[in-house]
Amino acid sequence: MLPKLDPLLHSELRLAVMSILAGVDEADFTYLKKQTGATSGNLSVQIDKLTTAGYITVEKGFKGKMPRTACRITPAGQEAFKNYVSALQEYLSASKEVK
């Protein structure tokens, strides 16, 4: 039986955010917006969902006089992302077996 995919990470935008954060120490909102092509409103909502789940942390502050929102993946987020990628690999392996 194939593993269940985490529905929180199965969203394209949330998966993109987690993929970016898994490879860096932190990323600010502007960078995430540029990399994902998301609107500010949609990205904000998805970041809130990931924060509520404990997958990322958000730190609001200033860089000079400009507001800055920095996001970091948490250990729980790293584990969830690792499990999601592993589950996808199992799906891909299963599809190769069918052929």
PDB file of N, CA and C in Angstrom:
ATOM      1  N   MET A   1       0.837  -1.175   0.000  1.00  0.00           N
ATOM      2  CA  MET A   1       0.000   0.000   0.000  1.00  0.00           C
ATOM      3  C   MET A   1       0.891   1.251   0.000  1.00  0.00           C
ATOM      4  N   LEU A   2       0.537   2.201  -0.811  1.00  0.00           N
ATOM      5  CA  LEU A   2       1.318   3.428  -0.912  1.00  0.00           C
ATOM      6  C   LEU A   2       1.066   4.338   0.295  1.00  0.00           C
ATOM      7  N   PRO A   3       2.082   5.070   0.719  1.00  0.00           N
ATOM      8  CA  PRO A   3       1.907   5.971   1.871  1.00  0.00           C
ATOM      9  C   PRO A   3       0.994   7.142   1.520  1.00  0.00           C
ATOM     10  N   LYS A   4       0.359   7.671   2.544  1.00  0.00           N
ATOM     11  CA  LYS A   4      -0.504   8.835   2.361  1.00  0.00           C
ATOM     12  C   LYS A   4       0.362  10.076   2.191  1.00  0.00           C
ATOM     13  N   LEU A   5      -0.013  10.926   1.233  1.00  0.00           N
ATOM     14  CA  LEU A   5       0.695  12.184   1.021  1.00  0.00           C
ATOM     15  C   LEU A   5       0.135  13.245   1.968  1.00  0.00           C
ATOM     16  N   ASP A   6       1.016  14.000   2.581  1.00  0.00           N
ATOM     17  CA  ASP A   6       0.624  15.075   3.494  1.00  0.00           C
ATOM     18  C   ASP A   6      -0.190  16.110   2.707  1.00  0.00           C
ATOM     19  N   PRO A   7      -1.485  16.265   2.997  1.00  0.00           N
ATOM     20  CA  PRO A   7      -2.311  17.189   2.226  1.00  0.00           C
ATOM     21  C   PRO A   7      -1.846  18.648   2.335  1.00  0.00           C
ATOM     22  N   LEU A   8      -1.195  18.988   3.430  1.00  0.00           N
ATOM     23  CA  LEU A   8      -0.694  20.346   3.580  1.00  0.00           C
ATOM     24  C   LEU A   8       0.430  20.630   2.582  1.00  0.00           C
ATOM     25  N   LEU A   9       1.257  19.634   2.317  1.00  0.00           N
ATOM     26  CA  LEU A   9       2.367  19.808   1.386  1.00  0.00           C
ATOM     27  C   LEU A   9       1.976  19.488  -0.049  1.00  0.00           C
ATOM     28  N   HIS A  10       0.799  18.962  -0.247  1.00  0.00           N
ATOM     29  CA  HIS A  10       0.370  18.560  -1.590  1.00  0.00           C
ATOM     30  C   HIS A  10      -0.140  19.747  -2.415  1.00  0.00           C
ATOM     31  N   SER A  11      -0.148  20.916  -1.824  1.00  0.00           N
ATOM     32  CA  SER A  11      -0.499  22.147  -2.532  1.00  0.00           C
ATOM     33  C   SER A  11       0.745  22.635  -3.278  1.00  0.00           C
ATOM     34  N   GLU A  12       0.564  23.038  -4.521  1.00  0.00           N
ATOM     35  CA  GLU A  12       1.701  23.462  -5.347  1.00  0.00           C
ATOM     36  C   GLU A  12       2.501  24.595  -4.700  1.00  0.00           C
ATOM     37  N   LEU A  13       1.831  25.617  -4.217  1.00  0.00           N
ATOM     38  CA  LEU A  13       2.535  26.765  -3.652  1.00  0.00           C
ATOM     39  C   LEU A  13       3.197  26.422  -2.322  1.00  0.00           C
ATOM     40  N   ARG A  14       2.495  25.698  -1.456  1.00  0.00           N
ATOM     41  CA  ARG A  14       3.109  25.319  -0.174  1.00  0.00           C
ATOM     42  C   ARG A  14       4.301  24.402  -0.394  1.00  0.00           C
ATOM     43  N   LEU A  15       4.201  23.492  -1.365  1.00  0.00           N
ATOM     44  CA  LEU A  15       5.323  22.613  -1.686  1.00  0.00           C
ATOM     45  C   LEU A  15       6.499  23.421  -2.224  1.00  0.00           C
ATOM     46  N   ALA A  16       6.220  24.426  -3.044  1.00  0.00           N
ATOM     47  CA  ALA A  16       7.286  25.280  -3.575  1.00  0.00           C
ATOM     48  C   ALA A  16       7.987  26.030  -2.444  1.00  0.00           C
ATOM     49  N   VAL A  17       7.224  26.579  -1.517  1.00  0.00           N
ATOM     50  CA  VAL A  17       7.804  27.302  -0.381  1.00  0.00           C
ATOM     51  C   VAL A  17       8.678  26.363   0.444  1.00  0.00           C
ATOM     52  N   MET A  18       8.179  25.183   0.740  1.00  0.00           N
ATOM     53  CA  MET A  18       8.939  24.217   1.531  1.00  0.00           C
ATOM     54  C   MET A  18      10.196  23.768   0.790  1.00  0.00           C
ATOM     55  N   SER A  19      10.093  23.593  -0.512  1.00  0.00           N
ATOM     56  CA  SER A  19      11.262  23.185  -1.307  1.00  0.00           C
ATOM     57  C   SER A  19      12.351  24.245  -1.243  1.00  0.00           C
ATOM     58  N   ILE A  20      11.959  25.491  -1.335  1.00  0.00           N
ATOM     59  CA  ILE A  20      12.930  26.583  -1.255  1.00  0.00           C
ATOM     60  C   ILE A  20      13.551  26.630   0.137  1.00  0.00           C
ATOM     61  N   LEU A  21      12.709  26.584   1.164  1.00  0.00           N
ATOM     62  CA  LEU A  21      13.202  26.711   2.532  1.00  0.00           C
ATOM     63  C   LEU A  21      14.057  25.516   2.959  1.00  0.00           C
ATOM     64  N   ALA A  22      13.831  24.360   2.370  1.00  0.00           N
ATOM     65  CA  ALA A  22      14.623  23.173   2.712  1.00  0.00           C
ATOM     66  C   ALA A  22      16.078  23.338   2.289  1.00  0.00           C
ATOM     67  N   GLY A  23      16.331  24.224   1.334  1.00  0.00           N
ATOM     68  CA  GLY A  23      17.687  24.387   0.827  1.00  0.00           C
ATOM     69  C   GLY A  23      18.427  25.626   1.293  1.00  0.00           C
ATOM     70  N   VAL A  24      17.805  26.429   2.161  1.00  0.00           N
ATOM     71  CA  VAL A  24      18.436  27.669   2.624  1.00  0.00           C
ATOM     72  C   VAL A  24      18.223  27.820   4.136  1.00  0.00           C
ATOM     73  N   ASP A  25      19.018  28.691   4.747  1.00  0.00           N
ATOM     74  CA  ASP A  25      18.828  28.970   6.182  1.00  0.00           C
ATOM     75  C   ASP A  25      17.536  29.731   6.418  1.00  0.00           C
ATOM     76  N   GLU A  26      17.272  30.712   5.540  1.00  0.00           N
ATOM     77  CA  GLU A  26      16.042  31.487   5.614  1.00  0.00           C
ATOM     78  C   GLU A  26      15.805  32.150   4.269  1.00  0.00           C
ATOM     79  N   ALA A  27      14.578  32.545   4.051  1.00  0.00           N
ATOM     80  CA  ALA A  27      14.220  33.275   2.830  1.00  0.00           C
ATOM     81  C   ALA A  27      13.197  34.327   3.204  1.00  0.00           C
ATOM     82  N   ASP A  28      13.343  35.508   2.628  1.00  0.00           N
ATOM     83  CA  ASP A  28      12.364  36.539   2.950  1.00  0.00           C
ATOM     84  C   ASP A  28      11.171  36.456   1.988  1.00  0.00           C
ATOM     85  N   PHE A  29      10.116  37.121   2.399  1.00  0.00           N
ATOM     86  CA  PHE A  29       8.844  37.074   1.681  1.00  0.00           C
ATOM     87  C   PHE A  29       9.018  37.487   0.220  1.00  0.00           C
ATOM     88  N   THR A  30       9.789  38.541  -0.003  1.00  0.00           N
ATOM     89  CA  THR A  30       9.991  39.043  -1.365  1.00  0.00           C
ATOM     90  C   THR A  30      10.655  37.991  -2.243  1.00  0.00           C
ATOM     91  N   TYR A  31      11.646  37.297  -1.700  1.00  0.00           N
ATOM     92  CA  TYR A  31      12.331  36.244  -2.450  1.00  0.00           C
ATOM     93  C   TYR A  31      11.368  35.099  -2.763  1.00  0.00           C
ATOM     94  N   LEU A  32      10.599  34.679  -1.766  1.00  0.00           N
ATOM     95  CA  LEU A  32       9.641  33.590  -1.977  1.00  0.00           C
ATOM     96  C   LEU A  32       8.602  33.975  -3.037  1.00  0.00           C
ATOM     97  N   LYS A  33       8.150  35.205  -2.966  1.00  0.00           N
ATOM     98  CA  LYS A  33       7.167  35.689  -3.933  1.00  0.00           C
ATOM     99  C   LYS A  33       7.748  35.659  -5.347  1.00  0.00           C
ATOM    100  N   LYS A  34       8.966  36.127  -5.488  1.00  0.00           N
ATOM    101  CA  LYS A  34       9.610  36.156  -6.802  1.00  0.00           C
ATOM    102  C   LYS A  34       9.841  34.741  -7.340  1.00  0.00           C
ATOM    103  N   GLN A  35      10.319  33.851  -6.498  1.00  0.00           N
ATOM    104  CA  GLN A  35      10.629  32.489  -6.928  1.00  0.00           C
ATOM    105  C   GLN A  35       9.386  31.671  -7.274  1.00  0.00           C
ATOM    106  N   THR A  36       8.294  31.915  -6.557  1.00  0.00           N
ATOM    107  CA  THR A  36       7.077  31.123  -6.776  1.00  0.00           C
ATOM    108  C   THR A  36       6.125  31.753  -7.785  1.00  0.00           C
ATOM    109  N   GLY A  37       6.270  33.068  -8.011  1.00  0.00           N
ATOM    110  CA  GLY A  37       5.345  33.761  -8.907  1.00  0.00           C
ATOM    111  C   GLY A  37       3.966  33.966  -8.294  1.00  0.00           C
ATOM    112  N   ALA A  38       3.882  33.794  -6.990  1.00  0.00           N
ATOM    113  CA  ALA A  38       2.597  33.918  -6.295  1.00  0.00           C
ATOM    114  C   ALA A  38       2.262  35.387  -6.038  1.00  0.00           C
ATOM    115  N   THR A  39       0.986  35.649  -5.832  1.00  0.00           N
ATOM    116  CA  THR A  39       0.571  36.981  -5.406  1.00  0.00           C
ATOM    117  C   THR A  39       0.898  37.128  -3.921  1.00  0.00           C
ATOM    118  N   SER A  40       1.011  38.355  -3.460  1.00  0.00           N
ATOM    119  CA  SER A  40       1.301  38.600  -2.046  1.00  0.00           C
ATOM    120  C   SER A  40       0.241  37.979  -1.147  1.00  0.00           C
ATOM    121  N   GLY A  41      -1.028  38.150  -1.521  1.00  0.00           N
ATOM    122  CA  GLY A  41      -2.125  37.628  -0.703  1.00  0.00           C
ATOM    123  C   GLY A  41      -2.107  36.115  -0.610  1.00  0.00           C
ATOM    124  N   ASN A  42      -1.940  35.438  -1.742  1.00  0.00           N
ATOM    125  CA  ASN A  42      -1.935  33.974  -1.741  1.00  0.00           C
ATOM    126  C   ASN A  42      -0.722  33.443  -0.980  1.00  0.00           C
ATOM    127  N   LEU A  43       0.439  34.040  -1.218  1.00  0.00           N
ATOM    128  CA  LEU A  43       1.639  33.584  -0.514  1.00  0.00           C
ATOM    129  C   LEU A  43       1.477  33.771   0.990  1.00  0.00           C
ATOM    130  N   SER A  44       0.924  34.884   1.401  1.00  0.00           N
ATOM    131  CA  SER A  44       0.709  35.158   2.820  1.00  0.00           C
ATOM    132  C   SER A  44      -0.191  34.102   3.453  1.00  0.00           C
ATOM    133  N   VAL A  45      -1.270  33.756   2.779  1.00  0.00           N
ATOM    134  CA  VAL A  45      -2.199  32.735   3.293  1.00  0.00           C
ATOM    135  C   VAL A  45      -1.492  31.395   3.431  1.00  0.00           C
ATOM    136  N   GLN A  46      -0.701  31.014   2.425  1.00  0.00           N
ATOM    137  CA  GLN A  46      -0.031  29.713   2.454  1.00  0.00           C
ATOM    138  C   GLN A  46       1.063  29.675   3.522  1.00  0.00           C
ATOM    139  N   ILE A  47       1.758  30.792   3.706  1.00  0.00           N
ATOM    140  CA  ILE A  47       2.761  30.874   4.772  1.00  0.00           C
ATOM    141  C   ILE A  47       2.089  30.745   6.133  1.00  0.00           C
ATOM    142  N   ASP A  48       0.931  31.359   6.298  1.00  0.00           N
ATOM    143  CA  ASP A  48       0.178  31.226   7.554  1.00  0.00           C
ATOM    144  C   ASP A  48      -0.187  29.766   7.818  1.00  0.00           C
ATOM    145  N   LYS A  49      -0.607  29.055   6.794  1.00  0.00           N
ATOM    146  CA  LYS A  49      -0.966  27.633   6.962  1.00  0.00           C
ATOM    147  C   LYS A  49       0.246  26.808   7.371  1.00  0.00           C
ATOM    148  N   LEU A  50       1.389  27.058   6.741  1.00  0.00           N
ATOM    149  CA  LEU A  50       2.611  26.326   7.090  1.00  0.00           C
ATOM    150  C   LEU A  50       3.083  26.677   8.495  1.00  0.00           C
ATOM    151  N   THR A  51       2.896  27.930   8.890  1.00  0.00           N
ATOM    152  CA  THR A  51       3.270  28.365  10.238  1.00  0.00           C
ATOM    153  C   THR A  51       2.367  27.705  11.277  1.00  0.00           C
ATOM    154  N   THR A  52       1.075  27.702  11.019  1.00  0.00           N
ATOM    155  CA  THR A  52       0.111  27.083  11.939  1.00  0.00           C
ATOM    156  C   THR A  52       0.417  25.596  12.130  1.00  0.00           C
ATOM    157  N   ALA A  53       0.855  24.935  11.069  1.00  0.00           N
ATOM    158  CA  ALA A  53       1.188  23.511  11.146  1.00  0.00           C
ATOM    159  C   ALA A  53       2.522  23.270  11.858  1.00  0.00           C
ATOM    160  N   GLY A  54       3.288  24.343  12.096  1.00  0.00           N
ATOM    161  CA  GLY A  54       4.581  24.196  12.742  1.00  0.00           C
ATOM    162  C   GLY A  54       5.696  23.816  11.778  1.00  0.00           C
ATOM    163  N   TYR A  55       5.437  23.940  10.482  1.00  0.00           N
ATOM    164  CA  TYR A  55       6.433  23.563   9.477  1.00  0.00           C
ATOM    165  C   TYR A  55       7.444  24.672   9.207  1.00  0.00           C
ATOM    166  N   ILE A  56       7.051  25.917   9.439  1.00  0.00           N
ATOM    167  CA  ILE A  56       7.974  27.038   9.263  1.00  0.00           C
ATOM    168  C   ILE A  56       7.767  28.040  10.392  1.00  0.00           C
ATOM    169  N   THR A  57       8.764  28.884  10.589  1.00  0.00           N
ATOM    170  CA  THR A  57       8.627  30.018  11.494  1.00  0.00           C
ATOM    171  C   THR A  57       8.751  31.290  10.673  1.00  0.00           C
ATOM    172  N   VAL A  58       8.107  32.332  11.151  1.00  0.00           N
ATOM    173  CA  VAL A  58       8.128  33.622  10.472  1.00  0.00           C
ATOM    174  C   VAL A  58       8.604  34.668  11.470  1.00  0.00           C
ATOM    175  N   GLU A  59       9.567  35.445  11.040  1.00  0.00           N
ATOM    176  CA  GLU A  59      10.084  36.522  11.877  1.00  0.00           C
ATOM    177  C   GLU A  59       9.924  37.830  11.119  1.00  0.00           C
ATOM    178  N   LYS A  60       9.180  38.748  11.716  1.00  0.00           N
ATOM    179  CA  LYS A  60       8.959  40.052  11.096  1.00  0.00           C
ATOM    180  C   LYS A  60       9.882  41.068  11.732  1.00  0.00           C
ATOM    181  N   GLY A  61      10.461  41.901  10.911  1.00  0.00           N
ATOM    182  CA  GLY A  61      11.380  42.913  11.408  1.00  0.00           C
ATOM    183  C   GLY A  61      11.614  43.958  10.337  1.00  0.00           C
ATOM    184  N   PHE A  62      12.738  44.613  10.441  1.00  0.00           N
ATOM    185  CA  PHE A  62      13.086  45.654   9.480  1.00  0.00           C
ATOM    186  C   PHE A  62      14.506  45.446   8.996  1.00  0.00           C
ATOM    187  N   LYS A  63      14.717  45.761   7.731  1.00  0.00           N
ATOM    188  CA  LYS A  63      16.056  45.815   7.151  1.00  0.00           C
ATOM    189  C   LYS A  63      16.227  47.284   6.780  1.00  0.00           C
ATOM    190  N   GLY A  64      16.960  48.005   7.621  1.00  0.00           N
ATOM    191  CA  GLY A  64      16.986  49.456   7.487  1.00  0.00           C
ATOM    192  C   GLY A  64      15.617  49.978   7.876  1.00  0.00           C
ATOM    193  N   LYS A  65      14.990  50.709   6.983  1.00  0.00           N
ATOM    194  CA  LYS A  65      13.644  51.226   7.245  1.00  0.00           C
ATOM    195  C   LYS A  65      12.562  50.405   6.553  1.00  0.00           C
ATOM    196  N   MET A  66      12.985  49.375   5.824  1.00  0.00           N
ATOM    197  CA  MET A  66      12.028  48.553   5.068  1.00  0.00           C
ATOM    198  C   MET A  66      11.576  47.355   5.912  1.00  0.00           C
ATOM    199  N   PRO A  67      10.263  47.075   5.937  1.00  0.00           N
ATOM    200  CA  PRO A  67       9.798  45.884   6.651  1.00  0.00           C
ATOM    201  C   PRO A  67      10.326  44.622   5.962  1.00  0.00           C
ATOM    202  N   ARG A  68      10.607  43.604   6.764  1.00  0.00           N
ATOM    203  CA  ARG A  68      11.128  42.348   6.230  1.00  0.00           C
ATOM    204  C   ARG A  68      10.483  41.194   6.970  1.00  0.00           C
ATOM    205  N   THR A  69      10.015  40.207   6.208  1.00  0.00           N
ATOM    206  CA  THR A  69       9.450  38.991   6.770  1.00  0.00           C
ATOM    207  C   THR A  69      10.353  37.836   6.357  1.00  0.00           C
ATOM    208  N   ALA A  70      10.985  37.190   7.334  1.00  0.00           N
ATOM    209  CA  ALA A  70      11.900  36.084   7.061  1.00  0.00           C
ATOM    210  C   ALA A  70      11.251  34.767   7.479  1.00  0.00           C
ATOM    211  N   CYS A  71      11.360  33.759   6.625  1.00  0.00           N
ATOM    212  CA  CYS A  71      10.788  32.442   6.890  1.00  0.00           C
ATOM    213  C   CYS A  71      11.905  31.413   7.015  1.00  0.00           C
ATOM    214  N   ARG A  72      11.712  30.483   7.946  1.00  0.00           N
ATOM    215  CA  ARG A  72      12.667  29.388   8.148  1.00  0.00           C
ATOM    216  C   ARG A  72      11.890  28.084   8.310  1.00  0.00           C
ATOM    217  N   ILE A  73      12.452  27.013   7.799  1.00  0.00           N
ATOM    218  CA  ILE A  73      11.841  25.706   7.993  1.00  0.00           C
ATOM    219  C   ILE A  73      12.194  25.216   9.398  1.00  0.00           C
ATOM    220  N   THR A  74      11.259  24.568  10.066  1.00  0.00           N
ATOM    221  CA  THR A  74      11.481  24.034  11.407  1.00  0.00           C
ATOM    222  C   THR A  74      11.926  22.572  11.298  1.00  0.00           C
ATOM    223  N   PRO A  75      12.426  22.002  12.387  1.00  0.00           N
ATOM    224  CA  PRO A  75      12.737  20.564  12.349  1.00  0.00           C
ATOM    225  C   PRO A  75      11.510  19.718  11.975  1.00  0.00           C
ATOM    226  N   ALA A  76      10.336  20.085  12.468  1.00  0.00           N
ATOM    227  CA  ALA A  76       9.107  19.359  12.108  1.00  0.00           C
ATOM    228  C   ALA A  76       8.825  19.518  10.617  1.00  0.00           C
ATOM    229  N   GLY A  77       9.073  20.706  10.086  1.00  0.00           N
ATOM    230  CA  GLY A  77       8.887  20.942   8.653  1.00  0.00           C
ATOM    231  C   GLY A  77       9.874  20.156   7.822  1.00  0.00           C
ATOM    232  N   GLN A  78      11.123  20.086   8.291  1.00  0.00           N
ATOM    233  CA  GLN A  78      12.127  19.288   7.579  1.00  0.00           C
ATOM    234  C   GLN A  78      11.718  17.829   7.536  1.00  0.00           C
ATOM    235  N   GLU A  79      11.226  17.329   8.652  1.00  0.00           N
ATOM    236  CA  GLU A  79      10.793  15.924   8.716  1.00  0.00           C
ATOM    237  C   GLU A  79       9.585  15.687   7.810  1.00  0.00           C
ATOM    238  N   ALA A  80       8.613  16.590   7.848  1.00  0.00           N
ATOM    239  CA  ALA A  80       7.426  16.447   6.995  1.00  0.00           C
ATOM    240  C   ALA A  80       7.809  16.494   5.513  1.00  0.00           C
ATOM    241  N   PHE A  81       8.720  17.400   5.163  1.00  0.00           N
ATOM    242  CA  PHE A  81       9.158  17.516   3.780  1.00  0.00           C
ATOM    243  C   PHE A  81       9.908  16.258   3.344  1.00  0.00           C
ATOM    244  N   LYS A  82      10.783  15.762   4.207  1.00  0.00           N
ATOM    245  CA  LYS A  82      11.526  14.532   3.911  1.00  0.00           C
ATOM    246  C   LYS A  82      10.563  13.361   3.702  1.00  0.00           C
ATOM    247  N   ASN A  83       9.569  13.247   4.572  1.00  0.00           N
ATOM    248  CA  ASN A  83       8.581  12.166   4.449  1.00  0.00           C
ATOM    249  C   ASN A  83       7.754  12.309   3.175  1.00  0.00           C
ATOM    250  N   TYR A  84       7.425  13.531   2.811  1.00  0.00           N
ATOM    251  CA  TYR A  84       6.645  13.776   1.594  1.00  0.00           C
ATOM    252  C   TYR A  84       7.444  13.358   0.362  1.00  0.00           C
ATOM    253  N   VAL A  85       8.705  13.762   0.314  1.00  0.00           N
ATOM    254  CA  VAL A  85       9.565  13.404  -0.820  1.00  0.00           C
ATOM    255  C   VAL A  85       9.737  11.886  -0.884  1.00  0.00           C
ATOM    256  N   SER A  86       9.915  11.261   0.252  1.00  0.00           N
ATOM    257  CA  SER A  86      10.056   9.798   0.308  1.00  0.00           C
ATOM    258  C   SER A  86       8.788   9.109  -0.199  1.00  0.00           C
ATOM    259  N   ALA A  87       7.637   9.635   0.199  1.00  0.00           N
ATOM    260  CA  ALA A  87       6.362   9.062  -0.263  1.00  0.00           C
ATOM    261  C   ALA A  87       6.226   9.217  -1.779  1.00  0.00           C
ATOM    262  N   LEU A  88       6.607  10.367  -2.302  1.00  0.00           N
ATOM    263  CA  LEU A  88       6.552  10.559  -3.756  1.00  0.00           C
ATOM    264  C   LEU A  88       7.470   9.580  -4.476  1.00  0.00           C
ATOM    265  N   GLN A  89       8.632   9.322  -3.898  1.00  0.00           N
ATOM    266  CA  GLN A  89       9.555   8.363  -4.505  1.00  0.00           C
ATOM    267  C   GLN A  89       8.935   6.971  -4.540  1.00  0.00           C
ATOM    268  N   GLU A  90       8.190   6.626  -3.502  1.00  0.00           N
ATOM    269  CA  GLU A  90       7.498   5.327  -3.491  1.00  0.00           C
ATOM    270  C   GLU A  90       6.436   5.275  -4.577  1.00  0.00           C
ATOM    271  N   TYR A  91       5.719   6.363  -4.778  1.00  0.00           N
ATOM    272  CA  TYR A  91       4.724   6.430  -5.848  1.00  0.00           C
ATOM    273  C   TYR A  91       5.390   6.227  -7.202  1.00  0.00           C
ATOM    274  N   LEU A  92       6.523   6.889  -7.403  1.00  0.00           N
ATOM    275  CA  LEU A  92       7.236   6.775  -8.676  1.00  0.00           C
ATOM    276  C   LEU A  92       7.774   5.365  -8.880  1.00  0.00           C
ATOM    277  N   SER A  93       8.269   4.760  -7.822  1.00  0.00           N
ATOM    278  CA  SER A  93       8.766   3.380  -7.910  1.00  0.00           C
ATOM    279  C   SER A  93       7.630   2.423  -8.255  1.00  0.00           C
ATOM    280  N   ALA A  94       6.482   2.654  -7.665  1.00  0.00           N
ATOM    281  CA  ALA A  94       5.327   1.787  -7.925  1.00  0.00           C
ATOM    282  C   ALA A  94       4.885   1.913  -9.379  1.00  0.00           C
ATOM    283  N   SER A  95       4.968   3.112  -9.922  1.00  0.00           N
ATOM    284  CA  SER A  95       4.537   3.296 -11.306  1.00  0.00           C
ATOM    285  C   SER A  95       5.503   2.608 -12.276  1.00  0.00           C
ATOM    286  N   LYS A  96       6.777   2.509 -11.922  1.00  0.00           N
ATOM    287  CA  LYS A  96       7.754   1.828 -12.764  1.00  0.00           C
ATOM    288  C   LYS A  96       7.512   0.328 -12.753  1.00  0.00           C
ATOM    289  N   GLU A  97       7.048  -0.185 -11.607  1.00  0.00           N
ATOM    290  CA  GLU A  97       6.783  -1.621 -11.472  1.00  0.00           C
ATOM    291  C   GLU A  97       5.596  -2.051 -12.330  1.00  0.00           C
ATOM    292  N   VAL A  98       4.649  -1.146 -12.540  1.00  0.00           N
ATOM    293  CA  VAL A  98       3.441  -1.451 -13.304  1.00  0.00           C
ATOM    294  C   VAL A  98       3.763  -1.632 -14.784  1.00  0.00           C
ATOM    295  N   LYS A  99       4.709  -0.860 -15.286  1.00  0.00           N
ATOM    296  CA  LYS A  99       5.042  -0.876 -16.709  1.00  0.00           C
ATOM    297  C   LYS A  99       5.621  -2.154 -17.119  1.00  0.00           C
TER     298      LYS A  99
END
